[in-house]
Amino acid sequence: MSFLSRVTGAIRAVLAPSKAPGRRAGPVPTGSAPPRPGGAPASPGQSGPTATVEVDPQRIGKVRTSYSPARDGAPDPGEVVWTWVPFEERDGRGKDRPVLVVATEPAGTFLAVQLTSKQHDGADFVAIGSGNWDSSGRPSWVNVDRVFRVYAGGMRRETAGLPRNSYAAVEARLRQRYGWG
């Protein structure tokens, strides 16, 4: 088989609609996930009833933030936990990443904001330094522009409590931006 035949066959395979039962073309909605290669289970928070979802902080209503980390395996305000976070494109893709839990909701869910190790300046980002959530010890920033609802069953692991002063800086920015308190 010639090189050109192989390339043409590969292109056709990629562009042809899937014949697998139950599969549909197009993007996967946020909160559900495409099957992982090799049939590996989805990351906690990636799909199903405990899927981590981005929420509109202006529409949540009254939010009471608190600092109450407790190394008990459950997400608590002031702790960094790992969960699957949808990409900003909202096309069904995302990745497992650290988030800072900032509030507990009456329904037993948690509100969290995304961490990043890429340096950012501006009102959407709060520098929080480094901690056990990053195995390389890199400094981190919290993105207060993206707020997520996290379920206890949708987190992979609890990594560290944020120092009180760092949490207070995030809390102040959330209060300033959304009126939370």
C-alpha atoms as a PDB file:
ATOM      1  CA  MET A   1       0.000   0.000   0.000  1.00  0.00           C
ATOM      2  CA  SER A   2       1.423   3.371  -1.006  1.00  0.00           C
ATOM      3  CA  PHE A   3       2.037   6.216   1.396  1.00  0.00           C
ATOM      4  CA  LEU A   4      -0.670   8.293  -0.313  1.00  0.00           C
ATOM      5  CA  SER A   5      -3.209   5.453   0.093  1.00  0.00           C
ATOM      6  CA  ARG A   6      -2.442   5.188   3.796  1.00  0.00           C
ATOM      7  CA  VAL A   7      -2.802   8.950   4.321  1.00  0.00           C
ATOM      8  CA  THR A   8      -6.071   9.017   2.368  1.00  0.00           C
ATOM      9  CA  GLY A   9      -7.412   6.087   4.403  1.00  0.00           C
ATOM     10  CA  ALA A  10      -6.456   7.776   7.661  1.00  0.00           C
ATOM     11  CA  ILE A  11      -8.180  11.012   6.643  1.00  0.00           C
ATOM     12  CA  ARG A  12     -11.348   9.149   5.660  1.00  0.00           C
ATOM     13  CA  ALA A  13     -11.360   7.297   8.986  1.00  0.00           C
ATOM     14  CA  VAL A  14     -11.145  10.564  10.910  1.00  0.00           C
ATOM     15  CA  LEU A  15     -13.770  12.384   8.823  1.00  0.00           C
ATOM     16  CA  ALA A  16     -16.261   9.514   8.496  1.00  0.00           C
ATOM     17  CA  PRO A  17     -19.157   9.535  10.977  1.00  0.00           C
ATOM     18  CA  SER A  18     -18.834   7.016  13.773  1.00  0.00           C
ATOM     19  CA  LYS A  19     -20.800   3.807  13.329  1.00  0.00           C
ATOM     20  CA  ALA A  20     -20.568   2.943  17.009  1.00  0.00           C
ATOM     21  CA  PRO A  21     -24.009   2.531  18.617  1.00  0.00           C
ATOM     22  CA  GLY A  22     -25.087   5.373  20.851  1.00  0.00           C
ATOM     23  CA  ARG A  23     -22.467   7.769  19.515  1.00  0.00           C
ATOM     24  CA  ARG A  24     -23.505  11.034  17.973  1.00  0.00           C
ATOM     25  CA  ALA A  25     -21.617  13.649  16.038  1.00  0.00           C
ATOM     26  CA  GLY A  26     -20.881  17.078  17.433  1.00  0.00           C
ATOM     27  CA  PRO A  27     -19.556  18.425  20.708  1.00  0.00           C
ATOM     28  CA  VAL A  28     -20.304  16.735  23.989  1.00  0.00           C
ATOM     29  CA  PRO A  29     -22.237  18.994  26.365  1.00  0.00           C
ATOM     30  CA  THR A  30     -20.526  20.177  29.554  1.00  0.00           C
ATOM     31  CA  GLY A  31     -21.169  17.733  32.369  1.00  0.00           C
ATOM     32  CA  SER A  32     -20.860  14.656  30.211  1.00  0.00           C
ATOM     33  CA  ALA A  33     -17.688  13.170  28.872  1.00  0.00           C
ATOM     34  CA  PRO A  34     -16.585  11.217  25.858  1.00  0.00           C
ATOM     35  CA  PRO A  35     -15.283   7.737  26.570  1.00  0.00           C
ATOM     36  CA  ARG A  36     -11.638   7.727  27.573  1.00  0.00           C
ATOM     37  CA  PRO A  37      -9.105   5.790  25.493  1.00  0.00           C
ATOM     38  CA  GLY A  38      -8.842   2.145  26.479  1.00  0.00           C
ATOM     39  CA  GLY A  39     -12.162   2.278  28.331  1.00  0.00           C
ATOM     40  CA  ALA A  40     -10.567   3.910  31.401  1.00  0.00           C
ATOM     41  CA  PRO A  41     -13.097   5.277  33.890  1.00  0.00           C
ATOM     42  CA  ALA A  42     -13.898   8.971  33.775  1.00  0.00           C
ATOM     43  CA  SER A  43     -12.176  11.278  36.231  1.00  0.00           C
ATOM     44  CA  PRO A  44     -14.287  12.145  39.319  1.00  0.00           C
ATOM     45  CA  GLY A  45     -16.386  15.184  38.524  1.00  0.00           C
ATOM     46  CA  GLN A  46     -16.261  14.541  34.783  1.00  0.00           C
ATOM     47  CA  SER A  47     -19.739  13.124  34.177  1.00  0.00           C
ATOM     48  CA  GLY A  48     -22.940  11.928  35.743  1.00  0.00           C
ATOM     49  CA  PRO A  49     -24.795  13.348  38.743  1.00  0.00           C
ATOM     50  CA  THR A  50     -21.552  14.453  40.460  1.00  0.00           C
ATOM     51  CA  ALA A  51     -20.159  16.298  37.437  1.00  0.00           C
ATOM     52  CA  THR A  52     -18.363  19.539  38.212  1.00  0.00           C
ATOM     53  CA  VAL A  53     -20.165  22.358  36.413  1.00  0.00           C
ATOM     54  CA  GLU A  54     -19.390  26.018  35.878  1.00  0.00           C
ATOM     55  CA  VAL A  55     -22.022  28.284  37.413  1.00  0.00           C
ATOM     56  CA  ASP A  56     -22.884  31.937  36.909  1.00  0.00           C
ATOM     57  CA  PRO A  57     -21.817  33.605  40.174  1.00  0.00           C
ATOM     58  CA  GLN A  58     -24.309  36.435  39.589  1.00  0.00           C
ATOM     59  CA  ARG A  59     -27.236  33.955  39.574  1.00  0.00           C
ATOM     60  CA  ILE A  60     -26.358  31.779  42.574  1.00  0.00           C
ATOM     61  CA  GLY A  61     -27.979  34.082  45.091  1.00  0.00           C
ATOM     62  CA  LYS A  62     -26.605  34.780  48.540  1.00  0.00           C
ATOM     63  CA  VAL A  63     -23.283  33.021  49.188  1.00  0.00           C
ATOM     64  CA  ARG A  64     -21.625  32.888  52.584  1.00  0.00           C
ATOM     65  CA  THR A  65     -17.917  32.187  52.328  1.00  0.00           C
ATOM     66  CA  SER A  66     -16.047  30.744  55.277  1.00  0.00           C
ATOM     67  CA  TYR A  67     -12.602  29.477  56.157  1.00  0.00           C
ATOM     68  CA  SER A  68     -12.971  26.022  57.687  1.00  0.00           C
ATOM     69  CA  PRO A  69     -10.425  23.527  56.334  1.00  0.00           C
ATOM     70  CA  ALA A  70     -10.569  20.106  58.023  1.00  0.00           C
ATOM     71  CA  ARG A  71      -8.366  17.268  56.765  1.00  0.00           C
ATOM     72  CA  ASP A  72     -11.229  14.786  56.711  1.00  0.00           C
ATOM     73  CA  GLY A  73     -11.331  13.706  53.067  1.00  0.00           C
ATOM     74  CA  ALA A  74     -14.322  15.946  52.301  1.00  0.00           C
ATOM     75  CA  PRO A  75     -14.093  19.304  50.526  1.00  0.00           C
ATOM     76  CA  ASP A  76     -14.203  22.202  52.970  1.00  0.00           C
ATOM     77  CA  PRO A  77     -13.959  25.972  52.395  1.00  0.00           C
ATOM     78  CA  GLY A  78     -10.294  26.925  52.462  1.00  0.00           C
ATOM     79  CA  GLU A  79      -9.072  23.639  50.963  1.00  0.00           C
ATOM     80  CA  VAL A  80      -7.648  22.881  47.558  1.00  0.00           C
ATOM     81  CA  VAL A  81      -9.168  19.760  46.013  1.00  0.00           C
ATOM     82  CA  TRP A  82      -8.773  18.120  42.616  1.00  0.00           C
ATOM     83  CA  THR A  83     -11.724  17.658  40.269  1.00  0.00           C
ATOM     84  CA  TRP A  84     -12.423  17.584  36.560  1.00  0.00           C
ATOM     85  CA  VAL A  85     -12.839  21.169  35.309  1.00  0.00           C
ATOM     86  CA  PRO A  86     -14.532  21.926  31.967  1.00  0.00           C
ATOM     87  CA  PHE A  87     -12.544  24.075  29.544  1.00  0.00           C
ATOM     88  CA  GLU A  88     -13.749  27.644  28.948  1.00  0.00           C
ATOM     89  CA  GLU A  89     -14.884  26.665  25.430  1.00  0.00           C
ATOM     90  CA  ARG A  90     -17.711  24.629  27.025  1.00  0.00           C
ATOM     91  CA  ASP A  91     -17.407  21.930  24.378  1.00  0.00           C
ATOM     92  CA  GLY A  92     -17.340  18.891  26.679  1.00  0.00           C
ATOM     93  CA  ARG A  93     -13.576  18.861  27.081  1.00  0.00           C
ATOM     94  CA  GLY A  94     -11.765  19.567  30.333  1.00  0.00           C
ATOM     95  CA  LYS A  95      -9.060  18.255  32.609  1.00  0.00           C
ATOM     96  CA  ASP A  96      -8.369  17.224  36.172  1.00  0.00           C
ATOM     97  CA  ARG A  97      -7.097  20.248  38.073  1.00  0.00           C
ATOM     98  CA  PRO A  98      -6.977  21.914  41.492  1.00  0.00           C
ATOM     99  CA  VAL A  99      -9.758  24.205  42.689  1.00  0.00           C
ATOM    100  CA  LEU A 100     -10.138  26.194  45.906  1.00  0.00           C
ATOM    101  CA  VAL A 101     -13.349  25.470  47.792  1.00  0.00           C
ATOM    102  CA  VAL A 102     -14.804  28.802  48.947  1.00  0.00           C
ATOM    103  CA  ALA A 103     -18.323  27.982  50.185  1.00  0.00           C
ATOM    104  CA  THR A 104     -20.684  25.176  51.142  1.00  0.00           C
ATOM    105  CA  GLU A 105     -24.172  25.385  49.607  1.00  0.00           C
ATOM    106  CA  PRO A 106     -27.341  24.402  51.494  1.00  0.00           C
ATOM    107  CA  ALA A 107     -27.842  21.394  49.158  1.00  0.00           C
ATOM    108  CA  GLY A 108     -24.476  19.955  50.264  1.00  0.00           C
ATOM    109  CA  THR A 109     -22.580  21.018  47.154  1.00  0.00           C
ATOM    110  CA  PHE A 110     -19.544  23.282  47.199  1.00  0.00           C
ATOM    111  CA  LEU A 111     -18.531  26.400  45.290  1.00  0.00           C
ATOM    112  CA  ALA A 112     -14.950  26.511  44.091  1.00  0.00           C
ATOM    113  CA  VAL A 113     -12.661  28.666  41.962  1.00  0.00           C
ATOM    114  CA  GLN A 114      -9.977  27.404  39.612  1.00  0.00           C
ATOM    115  CA  LEU A 115      -6.244  27.491  40.319  1.00  0.00           C
ATOM    116  CA  THR A 116      -3.575  28.017  37.691  1.00  0.00           C
ATOM    117  CA  SER A 117       0.216  27.979  37.804  1.00  0.00           C
ATOM    118  CA  LYS A 118       0.456  30.409  34.882  1.00  0.00           C
ATOM    119  CA  GLN A 119       1.194  33.909  36.123  1.00  0.00           C
ATOM    120  CA  HIS A 120      -1.650  36.364  35.611  1.00  0.00           C
ATOM    121  CA  ASP A 121      -2.194  39.988  36.503  1.00  0.00           C
ATOM    122  CA  GLY A 122      -5.512  41.762  36.745  1.00  0.00           C
ATOM    123  CA  ALA A 123      -8.737  41.796  38.707  1.00  0.00           C
ATOM    124  CA  ASP A 124      -9.725  38.206  37.808  1.00  0.00           C
ATOM    125  CA  PHE A 125      -6.662  36.639  39.455  1.00  0.00           C
ATOM    126  CA  VAL A 126      -5.418  36.485  43.041  1.00  0.00           C
ATOM    127  CA  ALA A 127      -1.848  35.336  43.780  1.00  0.00           C
ATOM    128  CA  ILE A 128      -1.861  32.672  46.523  1.00  0.00           C
ATOM    129  CA  GLY A 129       1.741  31.441  46.476  1.00  0.00           C
ATOM    130  CA  SER A 130       2.760  27.784  46.367  1.00  0.00           C
ATOM    131  CA  GLY A 131       1.456  24.766  48.223  1.00  0.00           C
ATOM    132  CA  ASN A 132       1.044  20.985  48.285  1.00  0.00           C
ATOM    133  CA  TRP A 133      -1.518  21.118  45.462  1.00  0.00           C
ATOM    134  CA  ASP A 134       1.376  21.583  42.991  1.00  0.00           C
ATOM    135  CA  SER A 135       3.963  18.811  43.104  1.00  0.00           C
ATOM    136  CA  SER A 136       6.531  21.136  41.493  1.00  0.00           C
ATOM    137  CA  GLY A 137       6.068  23.836  44.141  1.00  0.00           C
ATOM    138  CA  ARG A 138       5.165  26.491  41.571  1.00  0.00           C
ATOM    139  CA  PRO A 139       3.343  29.649  42.679  1.00  0.00           C
ATOM    140  CA  SER A 140      -0.378  29.669  41.890  1.00  0.00           C
ATOM    141  CA  TRP A 141      -3.156  32.108  41.112  1.00  0.00           C
ATOM    142  CA  VAL A 142      -6.900  31.782  41.702  1.00  0.00           C
ATOM    143  CA  ASN A 143      -9.181  32.746  38.819  1.00  0.00           C
ATOM    144  CA  VAL A 144     -12.259  34.349  40.452  1.00  0.00           C
ATOM    145  CA  ASP A 145     -13.922  34.762  37.067  1.00  0.00           C
ATOM    146  CA  ARG A 146     -14.752  31.027  36.857  1.00  0.00           C
ATOM    147  CA  VAL A 147     -16.884  29.532  39.642  1.00  0.00           C
ATOM    148  CA  PHE A 148     -17.692  25.809  39.820  1.00  0.00           C
ATOM    149  CA  ARG A 149     -20.187  23.675  41.682  1.00  0.00           C
ATOM    150  CA  VAL A 150     -18.343  20.634  43.057  1.00  0.00           C
ATOM    151  CA  TYR A 151     -19.911  17.532  44.602  1.00  0.00           C
ATOM    152  CA  ALA A 152     -18.158  15.540  47.328  1.00  0.00           C
ATOM    153  CA  GLY A 153     -18.329  12.484  45.030  1.00  0.00           C
ATOM    154  CA  GLY A 154     -16.896  14.511  42.155  1.00  0.00           C
ATOM    155  CA  MET A 155     -13.550  15.351  43.697  1.00  0.00           C
ATOM    156  CA  ARG A 156     -10.490  13.181  43.303  1.00  0.00           C
ATOM    157  CA  ARG A 157      -8.499  14.196  46.351  1.00  0.00           C
ATOM    158  CA  GLU A 158      -8.037  16.797  48.997  1.00  0.00           C
ATOM    159  CA  THR A 159      -4.526  18.212  48.808  1.00  0.00           C
ATOM    160  CA  ALA A 160      -4.012  21.088  51.193  1.00  0.00           C
ATOM    161  CA  GLY A 161      -5.563  23.852  53.192  1.00  0.00           C
ATOM    162  CA  LEU A 162      -4.773  27.317  51.935  1.00  0.00           C
ATOM    163  CA  PRO A 163      -3.118  29.611  54.504  1.00  0.00           C
ATOM    164  CA  ARG A 164      -5.720  31.867  56.155  1.00  0.00           C
ATOM    165  CA  ASN A 165      -4.210  35.090  54.744  1.00  0.00           C
ATOM    166  CA  SER A 166      -4.243  33.740  51.160  1.00  0.00           C
ATOM    167  CA  TYR A 167      -7.852  32.604  51.591  1.00  0.00           C
ATOM    168  CA  ALA A 168      -8.754  36.052  52.971  1.00  0.00           C
ATOM    169  CA  ALA A 169      -7.346  37.691  49.813  1.00  0.00           C
ATOM    170  CA  VAL A 170      -9.485  35.415  47.598  1.00  0.00           C
ATOM    171  CA  GLU A 171     -12.529  35.964  49.821  1.00  0.00           C
ATOM    172  CA  ALA A 172     -12.069  39.761  49.608  1.00  0.00           C
ATOM    173  CA  ARG A 173     -11.909  39.630  45.803  1.00  0.00           C
ATOM    174  CA  LEU A 174     -15.058  37.458  45.668  1.00  0.00           C
ATOM    175  CA  ARG A 175     -16.854  39.881  48.012  1.00  0.00           C
ATOM    176  CA  GLN A 176     -15.755  42.848  45.899  1.00  0.00           C
ATOM    177  CA  ARG A 177     -16.765  41.227  42.615  1.00  0.00           C
ATOM    178  CA  TYR A 178     -19.944  39.313  43.532  1.00  0.00           C
ATOM    179  CA  GLY A 179     -21.041  40.706  46.894  1.00  0.00           C
ATOM    180  CA  TRP A 180     -20.404  37.383  48.631  1.00  0.00           C
ATOM    181  CA  GLY A 181     -19.664  37.398  52.310  1.00  0.00           C
END
